[in-house]
Amino acid sequence: MQTVATARPLGASGARMLYNLADALYPELPRDLVPAAERRLLHEGLPAIRRVRLHLLWLEWEPILTLHARRRFWRLPLAERQAACARQRESRFAGMRRAWARLAARVEDALAEAAPSL
């Protein structure tokens, strides 16, 4: 019997970014949130998948593009990832703050769904 690989909504790089984002936001919590986040994204549809992937892509490259670091988000130490999150949260651009709020809420929802006992 052959197993057929299905495409995941976030892909490997999106899943890696989501894990690292959850680690930066909640370093004390165990994180197996990608399956829960992908289930929710599949339910919400293609526009939601595209928005989340775009937000994660921006967050991944933000430290390099803004000249705050020489490495992408997922390669940074925890303190620098937390600083990148603070820059997003406190951005002077309202669109960036809204995108950050949606992404942070998505991480919180996925964590709550993945670990209902917490």
PDB file of N, CA and C in Angstrom:
ATOM      1  N   MET A   1       0.844  -1.169   0.000  1.00  0.00           N
ATOM      2  CA  MET A   1       0.000   0.000   0.000  1.00  0.00           C
ATOM      3  C   MET A   1       0.895   1.240   0.000  1.00  0.00           C
ATOM      4  N   GLN A   2       0.570   2.166  -0.877  1.00  0.00           N
ATOM      5  CA  GLN A   2       1.333   3.390  -0.950  1.00  0.00           C
ATOM      6  C   GLN A   2       0.594   4.503  -0.214  1.00  0.00           C
ATOM      7  N   THR A   3       1.376   5.338   0.423  1.00  0.00           N
ATOM      8  CA  THR A   3       0.772   6.501   1.065  1.00  0.00           C
ATOM      9  C   THR A   3       1.012   7.708   0.172  1.00  0.00           C
ATOM     10  N   VAL A   4       0.005   8.505   0.056  1.00  0.00           N
ATOM     11  CA  VAL A   4       0.087   9.696  -0.773  1.00  0.00           C
ATOM     12  C   VAL A   4       0.316  10.898   0.130  1.00  0.00           C
ATOM     13  N   ALA A   5       1.362  11.645  -0.168  1.00  0.00           N
ATOM     14  CA  ALA A   5       1.656  12.845   0.620  1.00  0.00           C
ATOM     15  C   ALA A   5       0.724  13.967   0.184  1.00  0.00           C
ATOM     16  N   THR A   6       0.100  14.588   1.137  1.00  0.00           N
ATOM     17  CA  THR A   6      -0.773  15.715   0.831  1.00  0.00           C
ATOM     18  C   THR A   6      -0.059  17.012   1.183  1.00  0.00           C
ATOM     19  N   ALA A   7      -0.365  18.036   0.452  1.00  0.00           N
ATOM     20  CA  ALA A   7       0.239  19.336   0.710  1.00  0.00           C
ATOM     21  C   ALA A   7      -0.329  19.920   2.001  1.00  0.00           C
ATOM     22  N   ARG A   8       0.543  20.424   2.827  1.00  0.00           N
ATOM     23  CA  ARG A   8       0.117  21.050   4.068  1.00  0.00           C
ATOM     24  C   ARG A   8      -0.107  22.531   3.812  1.00  0.00           C
ATOM     25  N   PRO A   9      -1.093  23.135   4.458  1.00  0.00           N
ATOM     26  CA  PRO A   9      -1.400  24.551   4.202  1.00  0.00           C
ATOM     27  C   PRO A   9      -0.232  25.487   4.489  1.00  0.00           C
ATOM     28  N   LEU A  10       0.513  25.221   5.544  1.00  0.00           N
ATOM     29  CA  LEU A  10       1.613  26.115   5.895  1.00  0.00           C
ATOM     30  C   LEU A  10       2.926  25.724   5.229  1.00  0.00           C
ATOM     31  N   GLY A  11       3.069  24.478   4.854  1.00  0.00           N
ATOM     32  CA  GLY A  11       4.330  24.019   4.307  1.00  0.00           C
ATOM     33  C   GLY A  11       5.361  23.864   5.416  1.00  0.00           C
ATOM     34  N   ALA A  12       6.535  23.388   5.051  1.00  0.00           N
ATOM     35  CA  ALA A  12       7.578  23.145   6.052  1.00  0.00           C
ATOM     36  C   ALA A  12       8.102  24.452   6.649  1.00  0.00           C
ATOM     37  N   SER A  13       8.331  25.456   5.807  1.00  0.00           N
ATOM     38  CA  SER A  13       8.883  26.712   6.331  1.00  0.00           C
ATOM     39  C   SER A  13       7.862  27.452   7.198  1.00  0.00           C
ATOM     40  N   GLY A  14       6.577  27.419   6.819  1.00  0.00           N
ATOM     41  CA  GLY A  14       5.547  28.050   7.630  1.00  0.00           C
ATOM     42  C   GLY A  14       5.382  27.366   8.975  1.00  0.00           C
ATOM     43  N   ALA A  15       5.467  26.027   8.976  1.00  0.00           N
ATOM     44  CA  ALA A  15       5.369  25.287  10.232  1.00  0.00           C
ATOM     45  C   ALA A  15       6.545  25.616  11.140  1.00  0.00           C
ATOM     46  N   ARG A  16       7.742  25.682  10.564  1.00  0.00           N
ATOM     47  CA  ARG A  16       8.935  26.024  11.345  1.00  0.00           C
ATOM     48  C   ARG A  16       8.788  27.424  11.951  1.00  0.00           C
ATOM     49  N   MET A  17       8.284  28.356  11.158  1.00  0.00           N
ATOM     50  CA  MET A  17       8.106  29.723  11.660  1.00  0.00           C
ATOM     51  C   MET A  17       7.056  29.770  12.771  1.00  0.00           C
ATOM     52  N   LEU A  18       5.988  29.005  12.608  1.00  0.00           N
ATOM     53  CA  LEU A  18       4.944  29.001  13.626  1.00  0.00           C
ATOM     54  C   LEU A  18       5.474  28.430  14.946  1.00  0.00           C
ATOM     55  N   TYR A  19       6.267  27.358  14.872  1.00  0.00           N
ATOM     56  CA  TYR A  19       6.879  26.800  16.081  1.00  0.00           C
ATOM     57  C   TYR A  19       7.797  27.821  16.750  1.00  0.00           C
ATOM     58  N   ASN A  20       8.621  28.505  15.962  1.00  0.00           N
ATOM     59  CA  ASN A  20       9.545  29.486  16.532  1.00  0.00           C
ATOM     60  C   ASN A  20       8.819  30.710  17.064  1.00  0.00           C
ATOM     61  N   LEU A  21       7.737  31.092  16.418  1.00  0.00           N
ATOM     62  CA  LEU A  21       6.932  32.199  16.925  1.00  0.00           C
ATOM     63  C   LEU A  21       6.292  31.829  18.255  1.00  0.00           C
ATOM     64  N   ALA A  22       5.758  30.628  18.348  1.00  0.00           N
ATOM     65  CA  ALA A  22       5.163  30.176  19.609  1.00  0.00           C
ATOM     66  C   ALA A  22       6.219  30.096  20.702  1.00  0.00           C
ATOM     67  N   ASP A  23       7.429  29.688  20.344  1.00  0.00           N
ATOM     68  CA  ASP A  23       8.512  29.629  21.315  1.00  0.00           C
ATOM     69  C   ASP A  23       8.884  31.024  21.802  1.00  0.00           C
ATOM     70  N   ALA A  24       8.863  32.005  20.908  1.00  0.00           N
ATOM     71  CA  ALA A  24       9.193  33.375  21.305  1.00  0.00           C
ATOM     72  C   ALA A  24       8.095  33.979  22.176  1.00  0.00           C
ATOM     73  N   LEU A  25       6.837  33.653  21.882  1.00  0.00           N
ATOM     74  CA  LEU A  25       5.730  34.221  22.648  1.00  0.00           C
ATOM     75  C   LEU A  25       5.511  33.518  23.978  1.00  0.00           C
ATOM     76  N   TYR A  26       5.616  32.196  23.969  1.00  0.00           N
ATOM     77  CA  TYR A  26       5.340  31.389  25.169  1.00  0.00           C
ATOM     78  C   TYR A  26       6.450  30.367  25.358  1.00  0.00           C
ATOM     79  N   PRO A  27       7.636  30.785  25.818  1.00  0.00           N
ATOM     80  CA  PRO A  27       8.753  29.843  25.924  1.00  0.00           C
ATOM     81  C   PRO A  27       8.535  28.741  26.966  1.00  0.00           C
ATOM     82  N   GLU A  28       7.616  28.936  27.890  1.00  0.00           N
ATOM     83  CA  GLU A  28       7.418  27.957  28.950  1.00  0.00           C
ATOM     84  C   GLU A  28       6.413  26.851  28.579  1.00  0.00           C
ATOM     85  N   LEU A  29       5.682  27.026  27.492  1.00  0.00           N
ATOM     86  CA  LEU A  29       4.655  26.055  27.127  1.00  0.00           C
ATOM     87  C   LEU A  29       5.177  25.044  26.111  1.00  0.00           C
ATOM     88  N   PRO A  30       4.739  23.792  26.214  1.00  0.00           N
ATOM     89  CA  PRO A  30       5.068  22.833  25.160  1.00  0.00           C
ATOM     90  C   PRO A  30       4.303  23.194  23.892  1.00  0.00           C
ATOM     91  N   ARG A  31       4.920  22.974  22.751  1.00  0.00           N
ATOM     92  CA  ARG A  31       4.318  23.437  21.505  1.00  0.00           C
ATOM     93  C   ARG A  31       4.187  22.318  20.488  1.00  0.00           C
ATOM     94  N   ASP A  32       2.986  21.861  20.278  1.00  0.00           N
ATOM     95  CA  ASP A  32       2.683  21.013  19.131  1.00  0.00           C
ATOM     96  C   ASP A  32       1.440  21.620  18.487  1.00  0.00           C
ATOM     97  N   LEU A  33       1.593  22.840  17.993  1.00  0.00           N
ATOM     98  CA  LEU A  33       0.448  23.609  17.562  1.00  0.00           C
ATOM     99  C   LEU A  33       0.205  23.592  16.066  1.00  0.00           C
ATOM    100  N   VAL A  34       1.142  23.135  15.263  1.00  0.00           N
ATOM    101  CA  VAL A  34       0.983  23.216  13.819  1.00  0.00           C
ATOM    102  C   VAL A  34      -0.201  22.384  13.317  1.00  0.00           C
ATOM    103  N   PRO A  35      -0.394  21.141  13.778  1.00  0.00           N
ATOM    104  CA  PRO A  35      -1.574  20.408  13.280  1.00  0.00           C
ATOM    105  C   PRO A  35      -2.894  21.129  13.585  1.00  0.00           C
ATOM    106  N   ALA A  36      -3.000  21.709  14.763  1.00  0.00           N
ATOM    107  CA  ALA A  36      -4.228  22.431  15.117  1.00  0.00           C
ATOM    108  C   ALA A  36      -4.387  23.684  14.259  1.00  0.00           C
ATOM    109  N   ALA A  37      -3.287  24.397  14.035  1.00  0.00           N
ATOM    110  CA  ALA A  37      -3.353  25.609  13.205  1.00  0.00           C
ATOM    111  C   ALA A  37      -3.699  25.257  11.762  1.00  0.00           C
ATOM    112  N   GLU A  38      -3.157  24.162  11.256  1.00  0.00           N
ATOM    113  CA  GLU A  38      -3.443  23.769   9.873  1.00  0.00           C
ATOM    114  C   GLU A  38      -4.892  23.305   9.709  1.00  0.00           C
ATOM    115  N   ARG A  39      -5.421  22.615  10.703  1.00  0.00           N
ATOM    116  CA  ARG A  39      -6.842  22.219  10.637  1.00  0.00           C
ATOM    117  C   ARG A  39      -7.742  23.442  10.555  1.00  0.00           C
ATOM    118  N   ARG A  40      -7.434  24.430  11.380  1.00  0.00           N
ATOM    119  CA  ARG A  40      -8.235  25.650  11.388  1.00  0.00           C
ATOM    120  C   ARG A  40      -8.101  26.403  10.062  1.00  0.00           C
ATOM    121  N   LEU A  41      -6.881  26.458   9.528  1.00  0.00           N
ATOM    122  CA  LEU A  41      -6.662  27.139   8.251  1.00  0.00           C
ATOM    123  C   LEU A  41      -7.394  26.447   7.114  1.00  0.00           C
ATOM    124  N   LEU A  42      -7.384  25.121   7.096  1.00  0.00           N
ATOM    125  CA  LEU A  42      -8.115  24.390   6.057  1.00  0.00           C
ATOM    126  C   LEU A  42      -9.604  24.695   6.124  1.00  0.00           C
ATOM    127  N   HIS A  43     -10.106  24.853   7.331  1.00  0.00           N
ATOM    128  CA  HIS A  43     -11.521  25.175   7.507  1.00  0.00           C
ATOM    129  C   HIS A  43     -11.828  26.599   7.030  1.00  0.00           C
ATOM    130  N   GLU A  44     -10.892  27.534   7.231  1.00  0.00           N
ATOM    131  CA  GLU A  44     -11.126  28.935   6.873  1.00  0.00           C
ATOM    132  C   GLU A  44     -10.948  29.223   5.387  1.00  0.00           C
ATOM    133  N   GLY A  45     -10.184  28.393   4.700  1.00  0.00           N
ATOM    134  CA  GLY A  45     -10.082  28.552   3.254  1.00  0.00           C
ATOM    135  C   GLY A  45      -8.780  29.151   2.759  1.00  0.00           C
ATOM    136  N   LEU A  46      -8.673  29.226   1.452  1.00  0.00           N
ATOM    137  CA  LEU A  46      -7.453  29.664   0.785  1.00  0.00           C
ATOM    138  C   LEU A  46      -7.039  31.102   1.094  1.00  0.00           C
ATOM    139  N   PRO A  47      -7.946  32.074   1.153  1.00  0.00           N
ATOM    140  CA  PRO A  47      -7.496  33.436   1.501  1.00  0.00           C
ATOM    141  C   PRO A  47      -6.823  33.516   2.870  1.00  0.00           C
ATOM    142  N   ALA A  48      -7.341  32.787   3.843  1.00  0.00           N
ATOM    143  CA  ALA A  48      -6.740  32.789   5.182  1.00  0.00           C
ATOM    144  C   ALA A  48      -5.363  32.135   5.145  1.00  0.00           C
ATOM    145  N   ILE A  49      -5.226  31.059   4.391  1.00  0.00           N
ATOM    146  CA  ILE A  49      -3.934  30.389   4.259  1.00  0.00           C
ATOM    147  C   ILE A  49      -2.913  31.345   3.655  1.00  0.00           C
ATOM    148  N   ARG A  50      -3.308  32.042   2.615  1.00  0.00           N
ATOM    149  CA  ARG A  50      -2.386  32.978   1.962  1.00  0.00           C
ATOM    150  C   ARG A  50      -1.986  34.122   2.889  1.00  0.00           C
ATOM    151  N   ARG A  51      -2.941  34.656   3.647  1.00  0.00           N
ATOM    152  CA  ARG A  51      -2.625  35.743   4.582  1.00  0.00           C
ATOM    153  C   ARG A  51      -1.628  35.280   5.650  1.00  0.00           C
ATOM    154  N   VAL A  52      -1.870  34.122   6.231  1.00  0.00           N
ATOM    155  CA  VAL A  52      -0.986  33.625   7.291  1.00  0.00           C
ATOM    156  C   VAL A  52       0.401  33.351   6.731  1.00  0.00           C
ATOM    157  N   ARG A  53       0.477  32.730   5.565  1.00  0.00           N
ATOM    158  CA  ARG A  53       1.783  32.462   4.966  1.00  0.00           C
ATOM    159  C   ARG A  53       2.530  33.760   4.671  1.00  0.00           C
ATOM    160  N   LEU A  54       1.821  34.774   4.205  1.00  0.00           N
ATOM    161  CA  LEU A  54       2.449  36.064   3.934  1.00  0.00           C
ATOM    162  C   LEU A  54       2.946  36.716   5.220  1.00  0.00           C
ATOM    163  N   HIS A  55       2.156  36.675   6.284  1.00  0.00           N
ATOM    164  CA  HIS A  55       2.575  37.245   7.569  1.00  0.00           C
ATOM    165  C   HIS A  55       3.791  36.497   8.121  1.00  0.00           C
ATOM    166  N   LEU A  56       3.785  35.175   8.005  1.00  0.00           N
ATOM    167  CA  LEU A  56       4.923  34.398   8.491  1.00  0.00           C
ATOM    168  C   LEU A  56       6.171  34.659   7.652  1.00  0.00           C
ATOM    169  N   LEU A  57       5.989  34.835   6.356  1.00  0.00           N
ATOM    170  CA  LEU A  57       7.125  35.141   5.488  1.00  0.00           C
ATOM    171  C   LEU A  57       7.733  36.496   5.850  1.00  0.00           C
ATOM    172  N   TRP A  58       6.872  37.487   6.087  1.00  0.00           N
ATOM    173  CA  TRP A  58       7.377  38.797   6.491  1.00  0.00           C
ATOM    174  C   TRP A  58       8.123  38.688   7.815  1.00  0.00           C
ATOM    175  N   LEU A  59       7.556  37.983   8.774  1.00  0.00           N
ATOM    176  CA  LEU A  59       8.200  37.849  10.079  1.00  0.00           C
ATOM    177  C   LEU A  59       9.536  37.120   9.948  1.00  0.00           C
ATOM    178  N   GLU A  60       9.611  36.153   9.063  1.00  0.00           N
ATOM    179  CA  GLU A  60      10.855  35.401   8.872  1.00  0.00           C
ATOM    180  C   GLU A  60      11.993  36.305   8.386  1.00  0.00           C
ATOM    181  N   TRP A  61      11.695  37.198   7.461  1.00  0.00           N
ATOM    182  CA  TRP A  61      12.727  38.040   6.857  1.00  0.00           C
ATOM    183  C   TRP A  61      12.853  39.418   7.506  1.00  0.00           C
ATOM    184  N   GLU A  62      11.982  39.778   8.425  1.00  0.00           N
ATOM    185  CA  GLU A  62      11.985  41.106   9.039  1.00  0.00           C
ATOM    186  C   GLU A  62      13.316  41.473   9.685  1.00  0.00           C
ATOM    187  N   PRO A  63      13.977  40.584  10.426  1.00  0.00           N
ATOM    188  CA  PRO A  63      15.254  40.995  11.031  1.00  0.00           C
ATOM    189  C   PRO A  63      16.316  41.384   9.996  1.00  0.00           C
ATOM    190  N   ILE A  64      16.326  40.728   8.852  1.00  0.00           N
ATOM    191  CA  ILE A  64      17.303  41.056   7.802  1.00  0.00           C
ATOM    192  C   ILE A  64      16.887  42.325   7.067  1.00  0.00           C
ATOM    193  N   LEU A  65      15.615  42.421   6.705  1.00  0.00           N
ATOM    194  CA  LEU A  65      15.146  43.567   5.936  1.00  0.00           C
ATOM    195  C   LEU A  65      15.244  44.881   6.699  1.00  0.00           C
ATOM    196  N   THR A  66      15.092  44.819   8.009  1.00  0.00           N
ATOM    197  CA  THR A  66      15.177  46.032   8.821  1.00  0.00           C
ATOM    198  C   THR A  66      16.576  46.258   9.385  1.00  0.00           C
ATOM    199  N   LEU A  67      17.511  45.406   8.989  1.00  0.00           N
ATOM    200  CA  LEU A  67      18.924  45.508   9.388  1.00  0.00           C
ATOM    201  C   LEU A  67      19.130  45.352  10.893  1.00  0.00           C
ATOM    202  N   HIS A  68      18.260  44.595  11.556  1.00  0.00           N
ATOM    203  CA  HIS A  68      18.433  44.323  12.978  1.00  0.00           C
ATOM    204  C   HIS A  68      19.274  43.074  13.222  1.00  0.00           C
ATOM    205  N   ALA A  69      19.396  42.225  12.215  1.00  0.00           N
ATOM    206  CA  ALA A  69      20.165  40.984  12.371  1.00  0.00           C
ATOM    207  C   ALA A  69      20.644  40.528  10.995  1.00  0.00           C
ATOM    208  N   ARG A  70      21.543  39.586  11.014  1.00  0.00           N
ATOM    209  CA  ARG A  70      22.039  39.023   9.760  1.00  0.00           C
ATOM    210  C   ARG A  70      21.420  37.667   9.455  1.00  0.00           C
ATOM    211  N   ARG A  71      20.537  37.221  10.328  1.00  0.00           N
ATOM    212  CA  ARG A  71      19.903  35.914  10.135  1.00  0.00           C
ATOM    213  C   ARG A  71      18.392  36.064  10.155  1.00  0.00           C
ATOM    214  N   ARG A  72      17.735  35.074   9.574  1.00  0.00           N
ATOM    215  CA  ARG A  72      16.281  35.092   9.572  1.00  0.00           C
ATOM    216  C   ARG A  72      15.745  34.779  10.970  1.00  0.00           C
ATOM    217  N   PHE A  73      14.465  35.052  11.162  1.00  0.00           N
ATOM    218  CA  PHE A  73      13.813  34.949  12.466  1.00  0.00           C
ATOM    219  C   PHE A  73      14.059  33.600  13.128  1.00  0.00           C
ATOM    220  N   TRP A  74      13.864  32.522  12.412  1.00  0.00           N
ATOM    221  CA  TRP A  74      13.939  31.199  13.026  1.00  0.00           C
ATOM    222  C   TRP A  74      15.361  30.808  13.396  1.00  0.00           C
ATOM    223  N   ARG A  75      16.363  31.527  12.897  1.00  0.00           N
ATOM    224  CA  ARG A  75      17.756  31.237  13.227  1.00  0.00           C
ATOM    225  C   ARG A  75      18.269  32.091  14.389  1.00  0.00           C
ATOM    226  N   LEU A  76      17.458  32.994  14.876  1.00  0.00           N
ATOM    227  CA  LEU A  76      17.883  33.908  15.942  1.00  0.00           C
ATOM    228  C   LEU A  76      17.747  33.247  17.308  1.00  0.00           C
ATOM    229  N   PRO A  77      18.554  33.686  18.280  1.00  0.00           N
ATOM    230  CA  PRO A  77      18.354  33.225  19.653  1.00  0.00           C
ATOM    231  C   PRO A  77      17.018  33.744  20.207  1.00  0.00           C
ATOM    232  N   LEU A  78      16.568  33.154  21.281  1.00  0.00           N
ATOM    233  CA  LEU A  78      15.256  33.479  21.850  1.00  0.00           C
ATOM    234  C   LEU A  78      15.102  34.964  22.144  1.00  0.00           C
ATOM    235  N   ALA A  79      16.085  35.590  22.745  1.00  0.00           N
ATOM    236  CA  ALA A  79      15.975  37.012  23.106  1.00  0.00           C
ATOM    237  C   ALA A  79      15.794  37.881  21.866  1.00  0.00           C
ATOM    238  N   GLU A  80      16.490  37.564  20.791  1.00  0.00           N
ATOM    239  CA  GLU A  80      16.358  38.356  19.571  1.00  0.00           C
ATOM    240  C   GLU A  80      15.024  38.087  18.872  1.00  0.00           C
ATOM    241  N   ARG A  81      14.524  36.855  18.965  1.00  0.00           N
ATOM    242  CA  ARG A  81      13.188  36.567  18.417  1.00  0.00           C
ATOM    243  C   ARG A  81      12.130  37.333  19.186  1.00  0.00           C
ATOM    244  N   GLN A  82      12.285  37.416  20.501  1.00  0.00           N
ATOM    245  CA  GLN A  82      11.325  38.177  21.304  1.00  0.00           C
ATOM    246  C   GLN A  82      11.400  39.661  20.973  1.00  0.00           C
ATOM    247  N   ALA A  83      12.595  40.169  20.688  1.00  0.00           N
ATOM    248  CA  ALA A  83      12.737  41.569  20.299  1.00  0.00           C
ATOM    249  C   ALA A  83      12.079  41.819  18.943  1.00  0.00           C
ATOM    250  N   ALA A  84      12.203  40.869  18.022  1.00  0.00           N
ATOM    251  CA  ALA A  84      11.545  41.006  16.717  1.00  0.00           C
ATOM    252  C   ALA A  84      10.027  41.003  16.887  1.00  0.00           C
ATOM    253  N   CYS A  85       9.531  40.184  17.799  1.00  0.00           N
ATOM    254  CA  CYS A  85       8.091  40.174  18.074  1.00  0.00           C
ATOM    255  C   CYS A  85       7.650  41.519  18.649  1.00  0.00           C
ATOM    256  N   ALA A  86       8.452  42.089  19.529  1.00  0.00           N
ATOM    257  CA  ALA A  86       8.116  43.394  20.108  1.00  0.00           C
ATOM    258  C   ALA A  86       8.113  44.477  19.041  1.00  0.00           C
ATOM    259  N   ARG A  87       9.044  44.401  18.095  1.00  0.00           N
ATOM    260  CA  ARG A  87       9.053  45.389  17.003  1.00  0.00           C
ATOM    261  C   ARG A  87       7.786  45.295  16.173  1.00  0.00           C
ATOM    262  N   GLN A  88       7.313  44.091  15.926  1.00  0.00           N
ATOM    263  CA  GLN A  88       6.080  43.917  15.167  1.00  0.00           C
ATOM    264  C   GLN A  88       4.883  44.443  15.963  1.00  0.00           C
ATOM    265  N   ARG A  89       4.845  44.092  17.240  1.00  0.00           N
ATOM    266  CA  ARG A  89       3.718  44.478  18.094  1.00  0.00           C
ATOM    267  C   ARG A  89       3.636  45.990  18.269  1.00  0.00           C
ATOM    268  N   GLU A  90       4.797  46.660  18.301  1.00  0.00           N
ATOM    269  CA  GLU A  90       4.835  48.101  18.561  1.00  0.00           C
ATOM    270  C   GLU A  90       5.136  48.910  17.311  1.00  0.00           C
ATOM    271  N   SER A  91       4.868  48.347  16.143  1.00  0.00           N
ATOM    272  CA  SER A  91       5.148  49.030  14.884  1.00  0.00           C
ATOM    273  C   SER A  91       4.344  50.327  14.789  1.00  0.00           C
ATOM    274  N   ARG A  92       4.906  51.293  14.104  1.00  0.00           N
ATOM    275  CA  ARG A  92       4.161  52.541  13.934  1.00  0.00           C
ATOM    276  C   ARG A  92       3.136  52.441  12.812  1.00  0.00           C
ATOM    277  N   PHE A  93       3.171  51.344  12.061  1.00  0.00           N
ATOM    278  CA  PHE A  93       2.220  51.114  10.974  1.00  0.00           C
ATOM    279  C   PHE A  93       1.051  50.276  11.477  1.00  0.00           C
ATOM    280  N   ALA A  94      -0.142  50.815  11.355  1.00  0.00           N
ATOM    281  CA  ALA A  94      -1.330  50.139  11.885  1.00  0.00           C
ATOM    282  C   ALA A  94      -1.547  48.781  11.215  1.00  0.00           C
ATOM    283  N   GLY A  95      -1.271  48.686   9.935  1.00  0.00           N
ATOM    284  CA  GLY A  95      -1.438  47.413   9.232  1.00  0.00           C
ATOM    285  C   GLY A  95      -0.533  46.327   9.782  1.00  0.00           C
ATOM    286  N   MET A  96       0.674  46.694  10.145  1.00  0.00           N
ATOM    287  CA  MET A  96       1.610  45.727  10.734  1.00  0.00           C
ATOM    288  C   MET A  96       1.143  45.304  12.126  1.00  0.00           C
ATOM    289  N   ARG A  97       0.638  46.262  12.894  1.00  0.00           N
ATOM    290  CA  ARG A  97       0.128  45.908  14.230  1.00  0.00           C
ATOM    291  C   ARG A  97      -1.072  44.980  14.133  1.00  0.00           C
ATOM    292  N   ARG A  98      -1.977  45.248  13.170  1.00  0.00           N
ATOM    293  CA  ARG A  98      -3.142  44.375  12.993  1.00  0.00           C
ATOM    294  C   ARG A  98      -2.722  42.979  12.543  1.00  0.00           C
ATOM    295  N   ALA A  99      -1.777  42.918  11.607  1.00  0.00           N
ATOM    296  CA  ALA A  99      -1.287  41.615  11.131  1.00  0.00           C
ATOM    297  C   ALA A  99      -0.631  40.849  12.276  1.00  0.00           C
ATOM    298  N   TRP A 100       0.135  41.561  13.095  1.00  0.00           N
ATOM    299  CA  TRP A 100       0.762  40.914  14.245  1.00  0.00           C
ATOM    300  C   TRP A 100      -0.295  40.398  15.218  1.00  0.00           C
ATOM    301  N   ALA A 101      -1.315  41.195  15.482  1.00  0.00           N
ATOM    302  CA  ALA A 101      -2.370  40.782  16.414  1.00  0.00           C
ATOM    303  C   ALA A 101      -3.083  39.532  15.904  1.00  0.00           C
ATOM    304  N   ARG A 102      -3.365  39.481  14.595  1.00  0.00           N
ATOM    305  CA  ARG A 102      -4.015  38.292  14.034  1.00  0.00           C
ATOM    306  C   ARG A 102      -3.120  37.059  14.130  1.00  0.00           C
ATOM    307  N   LEU A 103      -1.826  37.240  13.868  1.00  0.00           N
ATOM    308  CA  LEU A 103      -0.898  36.119  13.933  1.00  0.00           C
ATOM    309  C   LEU A 103      -0.730  35.632  15.367  1.00  0.00           C
ATOM    310  N   ALA A 104      -0.603  36.548  16.307  1.00  0.00           N
ATOM    311  CA  ALA A 104      -0.470  36.165  17.719  1.00  0.00           C
ATOM    312  C   ALA A 104      -1.748  35.474  18.211  1.00  0.00           C
ATOM    313  N   ALA A 105      -2.904  35.963  17.780  1.00  0.00           N
ATOM    314  CA  ALA A 105      -4.167  35.321  18.163  1.00  0.00           C
ATOM    315  C   ALA A 105      -4.265  33.917  17.570  1.00  0.00           C
ATOM    316  N   ARG A 106      -3.772  33.752  16.356  1.00  0.00           N
ATOM    317  CA  ARG A 106      -3.790  32.424  15.722  1.00  0.00           C
ATOM    318  C   ARG A 106      -2.911  31.443  16.491  1.00  0.00           C
ATOM    319  N   VAL A 107      -1.751  31.915  16.981  1.00  0.00           N
ATOM    320  CA  VAL A 107      -0.872  31.064  17.788  1.00  0.00           C
ATOM    321  C   VAL A 107      -1.564  30.697  19.100  1.00  0.00           C
ATOM    322  N   GLU A 108      -2.188  31.672  19.755  1.00  0.00           N
ATOM    323  CA  GLU A 108      -2.892  31.391  21.010  1.00  0.00           C
ATOM    324  C   GLU A 108      -4.032  30.398  20.809  1.00  0.00           C
ATOM    325  N   ASP A 109      -4.798  30.567  19.731  1.00  0.00           N
ATOM    326  CA  ASP A 109      -5.895  29.642  19.452  1.00  0.00           C
ATOM    327  C   ASP A 109      -5.382  28.232  19.184  1.00  0.00           C
ATOM    328  N   ALA A 110      -4.296  28.131  18.415  1.00  0.00           N
ATOM    329  CA  ALA A 110      -3.739  26.814  18.108  1.00  0.00           C
ATOM    330  C   ALA A 110      -3.180  26.153  19.356  1.00  0.00           C
ATOM    331  N   LEU A 111      -2.548  26.933  20.229  1.00  0.00           N
ATOM    332  CA  LEU A 111      -2.045  26.374  21.494  1.00  0.00           C
ATOM    333  C   LEU A 111      -3.191  25.894  22.371  1.00  0.00           C
ATOM    334  N   ALA A 112      -4.266  26.671  22.420  1.00  0.00           N
ATOM    335  CA  ALA A 112      -5.425  26.285  23.236  1.00  0.00           C
ATOM    336  C   ALA A 112      -6.083  25.026  22.673  1.00  0.00           C
ATOM    337  N   GLU A 113      -6.141  24.912  21.372  1.00  0.00           N
ATOM    338  CA  GLU A 113      -6.750  23.742  20.750  1.00  0.00           C
ATOM    339  C   GLU A 113      -5.850  22.508  20.882  1.00  0.00           C
ATOM    340  N   ALA A 114      -4.531  22.711  20.801  1.00  0.00           N
ATOM    341  CA  ALA A 114      -3.607  21.599  20.860  1.00  0.00           C
ATOM    342  C   ALA A 114      -3.481  21.046  22.276  1.00  0.00           C
ATOM    343  N   ALA A 115      -3.578  21.911  23.281  1.00  0.00           N
ATOM    344  CA  ALA A 115      -3.429  21.486  24.677  1.00  0.00           C
ATOM    345  C   ALA A 115      -4.592  22.041  25.491  1.00  0.00           C
ATOM    346  N   PRO A 116      -5.773  21.416  25.429  1.00  0.00           N
ATOM    347  CA  PRO A 116      -6.931  21.954  26.142  1.00  0.00           C
ATOM    348  C   PRO A 116      -6.808  21.892  27.660  1.00  0.00           C
ATOM    349  N   SER A 117      -5.851  21.103  28.178  1.00  0.00           N
ATOM    350  CA  SER A 117      -5.745  20.995  29.635  1.00  0.00           C
ATOM    351  C   SER A 117      -4.967  22.152  30.254  1.00  0.00           C
ATOM    352  N   LEU A 118      -4.333  23.015  29.426  1.00  0.00           N
ATOM    353  CA  LEU A 118      -3.549  24.127  29.994  1.00  0.00           C
ATOM    354  C   LEU A 118      -4.408  25.297  30.352  1.00  0.00           C
TER     355      LEU A 118
END
